[in-house]
């Protein structure tokens, strides 16, 4: 099957598996796993930040960050499309007892002016304390949309003015940097904390890293323990993250080219009404009235292609490193016949 459901479906390559099997390991909680230590040091250094924390998932790194930045009753400003709001099981409320102020936009990005409208007066006892601004780059529900870096910098200035924390859900940040040409240290200079995922476009089987200053990461270690994310001989999977950062970043442009080709094919498909493509590795499209997503997916599956339903008439395609040129060519050809 040609699997376009997500970039999380990739399998470790032979080179990655070999690197994992040769990993030196130790007890991570005692600080004795050399591969975990190397991954954390490598990630922090790459972004010019002081420290890093290896965790099982991007949901955990995001949730740790939110809890470290807030106190019960505080409020987080984010997009209505944000992963932390849409797809983390209500974790902002469950783990941090915080509320959210949701900004509406078509692709999940917003402006400095949007943020300022949602900052509550700290002297108004009727309102929650605004404590944190969260952005996601690229935006999952925004069809892989990339943020304008200058806008992110302006939001940083606003956060400084109001004394707010600033967190980046960078689940697909390397896709964003491939598209916008920015360097990791440029993002590291903007944010108080960054979550990077190793198991999406980078192809590792598991794992995300949270970045911040030393005090923040020290606090994160305690929260990770409470959430059950403390692992032992985690070096085998941390090794996959090291391999991914060394070998699978530069090739992301291939995924973007493949997604652009599929987006063009979708524009010509008679069953497609609208195509949203943010310029990276993800496409979300809406079907014509009368065509249900489930029916379209059945047609695709009959041709050996899997995709993800995102609504009654909407579907998502995601390109990744396990797709060959022949897979992309066949997908485009199939779309032309539907």
Protein backbone atom coordinates (compact mmCIF):
# COMPACT_ATOMS: atom_id res chain seq x y z
CA UNK A 1 0.00 0.00 0.00
CA UNK A 2 1.04 3.59 -0.69
CA UNK A 3 0.48 5.20 2.71
CA UNK A 4 -0.31 8.93 2.54
CA UNK A 5 -2.09 9.09 5.91
CA UNK A 6 0.80 10.67 7.83
CA UNK A 7 4.57 11.06 8.02
CA UNK A 8 4.39 9.07 11.27
CA UNK A 9 3.94 5.77 9.38
CA UNK A 10 7.59 5.51 8.31
CA UNK A 11 9.73 2.53 9.29
CA UNK A 12 13.37 2.80 10.37
CA UNK A 13 15.75 2.45 7.44
CA UNK A 14 18.43 -0.27 7.43
CA UNK A 15 21.04 2.38 8.29
CA UNK A 16 18.97 3.66 11.20
CA UNK A 17 18.35 0.14 12.51
CA UNK A 18 22.05 -0.69 12.38
CA UNK A 19 22.88 2.50 14.27
CA UNK A 20 20.23 1.71 16.88
CA UNK A 21 21.52 -1.84 17.43
CA UNK A 22 25.05 -0.55 18.00
CA UNK A 23 23.95 2.01 20.58
CA UNK A 24 25.68 2.23 23.94
CA UNK A 25 23.07 2.43 26.68
CA UNK A 26 22.72 3.10 30.38
CA UNK A 27 20.10 4.21 32.90
CA UNK A 28 18.63 7.44 31.55
CA UNK A 29 17.23 8.55 34.92
CA UNK A 30 20.68 8.27 36.48
CA UNK A 31 21.95 10.41 33.61
CA UNK A 32 24.02 7.47 32.39
CA UNK A 33 22.61 6.76 28.92
CA UNK A 34 25.23 8.11 26.50
CA UNK A 35 22.91 8.19 23.48
CA UNK A 36 20.17 10.12 25.31
CA UNK A 37 22.78 12.55 26.61
CA UNK A 38 24.22 12.98 23.11
CA UNK A 39 20.78 13.53 21.57
CA UNK A 40 19.87 16.15 24.18
CA UNK A 41 23.21 17.94 23.84
CA UNK A 42 23.03 17.81 20.03
CA UNK A 43 19.49 19.21 19.96
CA UNK A 44 20.18 22.01 22.43
CA UNK A 45 23.38 22.99 20.63
CA UNK A 46 21.67 22.95 17.24
CA UNK A 47 19.10 25.53 18.41
CA UNK A 48 21.51 27.53 20.55
CA UNK A 49 19.56 26.71 23.71
CA UNK A 50 20.94 25.69 27.09
CA UNK A 51 19.38 22.27 27.64
CA UNK A 52 17.05 19.61 26.29
CA UNK A 53 14.79 16.84 27.52
CA UNK A 54 14.13 13.59 25.61
CA UNK A 55 10.54 12.32 25.84
CA UNK A 56 8.44 9.56 24.25
CA UNK A 57 6.17 11.91 22.27
CA UNK A 58 5.50 15.42 21.04
CA UNK A 59 2.30 15.50 23.05
CA UNK A 60 4.36 14.94 26.19
CA UNK A 61 6.92 17.64 25.35
CA UNK A 62 4.12 20.12 24.65
CA UNK A 63 2.27 19.21 27.83
CA UNK A 64 5.41 19.46 29.94
CA UNK A 65 6.11 22.89 28.48
CA UNK A 66 2.60 24.15 29.16
CA UNK A 67 2.67 22.92 32.74
CA UNK A 68 6.11 24.43 33.35
CA UNK A 69 5.02 27.81 31.94
CA UNK A 70 1.65 28.05 33.74
CA UNK A 71 -0.10 27.72 37.07
CA UNK A 72 -3.64 26.37 37.61
CA UNK A 73 -6.18 28.92 36.41
CA UNK A 74 -3.83 30.56 33.93
CA UNK A 75 -4.67 30.98 30.25
CA UNK A 76 -2.82 29.94 27.10
CA UNK A 77 -3.28 31.85 23.83
CA UNK A 78 -3.16 29.61 20.75
CA UNK A 79 -4.88 28.96 17.44
CA UNK A 80 -8.22 27.16 17.36
CA UNK A 81 -6.46 24.73 15.00
CA UNK A 82 -3.51 24.15 17.36
CA UNK A 83 -2.44 20.59 18.04
CA UNK A 84 -2.35 21.27 21.79
CA UNK A 85 -6.07 22.12 21.61
CA UNK A 86 -7.31 19.75 18.92
CA UNK A 87 -5.30 16.57 19.37
CA UNK A 88 -3.81 16.23 22.83
CA UNK A 89 -6.81 14.82 24.67
CA UNK A 90 -7.69 17.98 26.58
CA UNK A 91 -4.24 17.89 28.15
CA UNK A 92 -4.06 21.65 28.74
CA UNK A 93 -6.99 21.31 31.15
CA UNK A 94 -6.18 17.82 32.47
CA UNK A 95 -2.48 18.30 33.14
CA UNK A 96 -2.16 22.03 33.81
CA UNK A 97 -5.66 23.11 34.91
CA UNK A 98 -5.29 25.97 32.45
CA UNK A 99 -7.79 27.50 30.06
CA UNK A 100 -7.25 28.49 26.44
CA UNK A 101 -7.98 31.63 24.44
CA UNK A 102 -8.51 30.52 20.86
CA UNK A 103 -7.62 32.64 17.85
CA UNK A 104 -9.52 31.89 14.65
CA UNK A 105 -7.75 31.84 11.31
CA UNK A 106 -7.94 29.84 8.11
CA UNK A 107 -4.55 28.16 8.34
CA UNK A 108 -3.68 28.32 12.04
CA UNK A 109 -1.33 31.31 11.90
CA UNK A 110 -2.19 34.69 13.41
CA UNK A 111 -0.79 38.17 13.96
CA UNK A 112 0.68 40.11 16.85
CA UNK A 113 -2.47 42.22 16.88
CA UNK A 114 -4.56 39.06 17.23
CA UNK A 115 -2.55 38.01 20.27
CA UNK A 116 -2.77 41.40 21.97
CA UNK A 117 -6.57 41.33 21.77
CA UNK A 118 -6.58 38.15 23.87
CA UNK A 119 -4.21 39.29 26.63
CA UNK A 120 -6.27 39.76 29.78
CA UNK A 121 -5.87 42.61 32.24
CA UNK A 122 -4.01 41.03 35.20
CA UNK A 123 -5.81 43.41 37.58
CA UNK A 124 -9.25 42.14 36.50
CA UNK A 125 -10.18 39.41 38.98
CA UNK A 126 -12.86 38.12 36.60
CA UNK A 127 -10.27 37.08 34.04
CA UNK A 128 -7.68 34.33 33.97
CA UNK A 129 -4.03 35.36 34.03
CA UNK A 130 -2.66 35.26 30.49
CA UNK A 131 0.59 33.38 30.93
CA UNK A 132 1.66 31.75 27.65
CA UNK A 133 1.47 32.18 23.87
CA UNK A 134 1.78 28.98 21.84
CA UNK A 135 2.36 28.62 18.11
CA UNK A 136 2.70 25.53 15.90
CA UNK A 137 5.07 25.46 12.93
CA UNK A 138 4.21 23.96 10.51
CA UNK A 139 0.46 23.95 11.22
CA UNK A 140 -0.97 20.43 10.98
CA UNK A 141 -4.59 21.48 10.47
CA UNK A 142 -3.40 24.33 8.28
CA UNK A 143 -2.23 21.89 5.58
CA UNK A 144 1.40 22.32 6.57
CA UNK A 145 1.33 26.12 6.54
CA UNK A 146 4.53 27.91 7.58
CA UNK A 147 4.61 30.94 9.82
CA UNK A 148 6.07 34.23 8.65
CA UNK A 149 9.27 34.47 10.69
CA UNK A 150 9.06 38.25 11.06
CA UNK A 151 5.58 37.85 12.58
CA UNK A 152 6.96 35.32 15.06
CA UNK A 153 9.62 37.88 16.01
CA UNK A 154 6.98 40.57 16.57
CA UNK A 155 5.02 38.20 18.82
CA UNK A 156 8.24 37.62 20.78
CA UNK A 157 8.49 41.37 21.39
CA UNK A 158 4.86 41.42 22.53
CA UNK A 159 5.48 38.54 24.94
CA UNK A 160 8.46 40.40 26.39
CA UNK A 161 6.36 43.52 26.85
CA UNK A 162 3.64 41.67 28.76
CA UNK A 163 5.88 39.16 30.54
CA UNK A 164 4.43 36.12 28.77
CA UNK A 165 6.02 32.76 28.02
CA UNK A 166 6.42 31.79 24.37
CA UNK A 167 6.31 28.12 23.30
CA UNK A 168 6.78 26.61 19.86
CA UNK A 169 5.21 23.29 18.97
CA UNK A 170 7.78 22.42 16.33
CA UNK A 171 6.49 18.96 15.50
CA UNK A 172 7.34 19.69 11.86
CA UNK A 173 9.72 22.59 12.45
CA UNK A 174 12.38 21.07 10.20
CA UNK A 175 9.84 21.15 7.37
CA UNK A 176 9.27 24.82 8.11
CA UNK A 177 12.99 25.57 8.10
CA UNK A 178 13.37 23.69 4.82
CA UNK A 179 10.69 25.96 3.36
CA UNK A 180 11.70 29.30 4.88
CA UNK A 181 15.48 28.88 4.86
CA UNK A 182 15.85 29.88 8.51
CA UNK A 183 18.43 28.26 10.80
CA UNK A 184 17.63 26.39 14.05
CA UNK A 185 19.46 28.97 16.15
CA UNK A 186 17.21 31.70 14.75
CA UNK A 187 14.19 29.88 16.16
CA UNK A 188 16.05 29.13 19.38
CA UNK A 189 16.64 32.84 19.90
CA UNK A 190 12.90 33.60 19.66
CA UNK A 191 11.26 31.08 21.96
CA UNK A 192 11.39 30.24 25.64
CA UNK A 193 10.74 26.60 24.80
CA UNK A 194 10.60 24.47 21.65
CA UNK A 195 9.31 20.96 21.07
CA UNK A 196 10.83 19.10 18.12
CA UNK A 197 9.51 15.75 16.92
CA UNK A 198 11.83 13.06 15.59
CA UNK A 199 9.16 10.57 14.50
CA UNK A 200 7.41 12.56 11.79
CA UNK A 201 9.27 13.79 8.71
CA UNK A 202 12.62 12.74 10.17
CA UNK A 203 11.70 9.06 10.24
CA UNK A 204 12.63 7.98 13.77
CA UNK A 205 10.25 5.38 15.25
CA UNK A 206 9.62 7.31 18.47
CA UNK A 207 10.59 10.39 20.42
CA UNK A 208 10.53 14.17 20.77
CA UNK A 209 12.85 16.66 22.46
CA UNK A 210 11.92 19.70 24.56
CA UNK A 211 14.36 22.62 24.50
CA UNK A 212 14.74 25.51 26.93
CA UNK A 213 17.05 27.02 29.54
CA UNK A 214 18.55 24.86 32.28
CA UNK A 215 16.05 25.80 34.98
CA UNK A 216 13.13 25.16 32.65
CA UNK A 217 14.43 21.74 31.63
CA UNK A 218 15.15 20.85 35.25
CA UNK A 219 11.51 21.60 36.02
CA UNK A 220 10.54 19.59 32.93
CA UNK A 221 12.41 16.54 34.24
CA UNK A 222 10.17 16.48 37.30
CA UNK A 223 7.00 16.90 35.20
CA UNK A 224 8.15 14.15 32.81
CA UNK A 225 8.47 11.83 35.82
CA UNK A 226 4.96 12.69 37.00
CA UNK A 227 3.56 12.02 33.51
CA UNK A 228 5.28 8.64 33.33
CA UNK A 229 7.79 9.62 30.69
CA UNK A 230 10.91 8.64 32.58
CA UNK A 231 12.61 5.79 30.67
CA UNK A 232 15.63 3.64 31.43
CA UNK A 233 17.87 2.22 28.66
CA UNK A 234 16.35 4.59 26.13
CA UNK A 235 19.55 4.89 24.13
CA UNK A 236 18.32 2.46 21.49
CA UNK A 237 15.51 4.78 20.48
CA UNK A 238 17.50 7.94 21.18
CA UNK A 239 20.04 6.63 18.68
CA UNK A 240 17.32 6.69 16.03
CA UNK A 241 16.79 10.38 16.81
CA UNK A 242 20.50 11.10 16.42
CA UNK A 243 20.56 9.26 13.09
CA UNK A 244 17.47 11.17 11.95
CA UNK A 245 18.99 14.56 12.75
CA UNK A 246 22.23 13.63 10.99
CA UNK A 247 20.73 12.05 7.88
CA UNK A 248 17.09 12.95 7.27
CA UNK A 249 16.83 16.73 7.49
CA UNK A 250 18.28 17.80 4.15
CA UNK A 251 16.11 15.34 2.21
CA UNK A 252 12.85 16.96 3.44
CA UNK A 253 12.80 19.09 0.29
CA UNK A 254 12.01 15.87 -1.61
CA UNK A 255 8.84 15.44 0.44
CA UNK A 256 7.85 19.01 -0.35
CA UNK A 257 8.34 18.50 -4.09
CA UNK A 258 6.28 15.31 -3.94
CA UNK A 259 3.48 17.06 -2.06
CA UNK A 260 3.48 19.89 -4.59
CA UNK A 261 3.08 17.34 -7.41
CA UNK A 262 0.14 15.70 -5.63
CA UNK A 263 -1.44 19.09 -4.95
CA UNK A 264 -1.30 19.85 -8.69
CA UNK A 265 -2.91 16.49 -9.46
CA UNK A 266 -5.67 17.18 -6.96
CA UNK A 267 -6.42 20.50 -8.66
CA UNK A 268 -7.28 18.51 -11.78
CA UNK A 269 -9.35 15.83 -10.02
CA UNK A 270 -13.05 16.15 -10.86
CA UNK A 271 -14.09 15.03 -7.37
CA UNK A 272 -12.11 17.74 -5.59
CA UNK A 273 -13.64 21.14 -4.84
CA UNK A 274 -10.80 22.90 -3.02
CA UNK A 275 -7.13 22.16 -2.28
CA UNK A 276 -5.20 23.64 0.67
CA UNK A 277 -1.44 23.27 0.42
CA UNK A 278 0.90 25.13 2.76
CA UNK A 279 4.07 24.54 0.76
CA UNK A 280 5.56 21.69 2.80
CA UNK A 281 4.66 17.99 2.97
CA UNK A 282 0.94 18.14 3.71
CA UNK A 283 -2.23 18.69 1.66
CA UNK A 284 -5.82 18.94 2.90
CA UNK A 285 -8.55 18.97 0.27
CA UNK A 286 -12.32 19.27 0.20
CA UNK A 287 -14.48 17.06 -2.01
CA UNK A 288 -17.32 18.26 -4.21
CA UNK A 289 -20.82 18.26 -2.66
CA UNK A 290 -22.33 14.80 -2.68
CA UNK A 291 -18.97 12.99 -2.42
CA UNK A 292 -18.22 11.68 1.06
CA UNK A 293 -14.69 11.31 2.34
CA UNK A 294 -15.32 7.65 3.21
CA UNK A 295 -16.35 6.92 -0.38
CA UNK A 296 -13.30 8.69 -1.79
CA UNK A 297 -11.02 6.79 0.58
CA UNK A 298 -12.56 3.50 -0.56
CA UNK A 299 -11.80 4.43 -4.17
CA UNK A 300 -8.21 5.25 -3.25
CA UNK A 301 -7.81 2.04 -1.27
CA UNK A 302 -9.01 0.01 -4.27
CA UNK A 303 -5.96 1.46 -6.06
CA UNK A 304 -3.65 0.60 -3.17
CA UNK A 305 -3.48 4.09 -1.64
CA UNK A 306 -4.27 5.06 1.96
CA UNK A 307 -5.21 8.57 3.12
CA UNK A 308 -6.74 10.18 6.22
CA UNK A 309 -10.26 11.51 6.67
CA UNK A 310 -10.29 14.94 8.37
CA UNK A 311 -14.01 15.71 7.93
CA UNK A 312 -17.11 14.44 6.20
CA UNK A 313 -15.85 15.89 2.91
CA UNK A 314 -12.18 16.54 3.65
CA UNK A 315 -9.08 14.38 3.37
CA UNK A 316 -5.39 14.76 4.19
CA UNK A 317 -2.33 13.54 2.25
CA UNK A 318 1.15 13.64 3.81
CA UNK A 319 4.37 12.81 1.98
CA UNK A 320 7.38 11.24 3.70
CA UNK A 321 10.66 9.39 3.23
CA UNK A 322 9.08 5.96 2.69
CA UNK A 323 7.41 7.07 -0.57
CA UNK A 324 9.23 6.42 -3.83
CA UNK A 325 9.04 8.36 -7.08
CA UNK A 326 6.90 5.52 -8.44
CA UNK A 327 4.51 5.87 -5.47
CA UNK A 328 4.04 9.58 -6.14
CA UNK A 329 3.64 9.03 -9.87
CA UNK A 330 1.01 6.33 -9.31
CA UNK A 331 -0.87 8.50 -6.80
CA UNK A 332 -1.04 11.37 -9.28
CA UNK A 333 -2.17 9.04 -12.06
CA UNK A 334 -4.92 7.54 -9.88
CA UNK A 335 -6.20 11.00 -8.92
CA UNK A 336 -6.47 11.88 -12.59
CA UNK A 337 -8.84 8.96 -13.15
CA UNK A 338 -11.21 9.60 -10.23
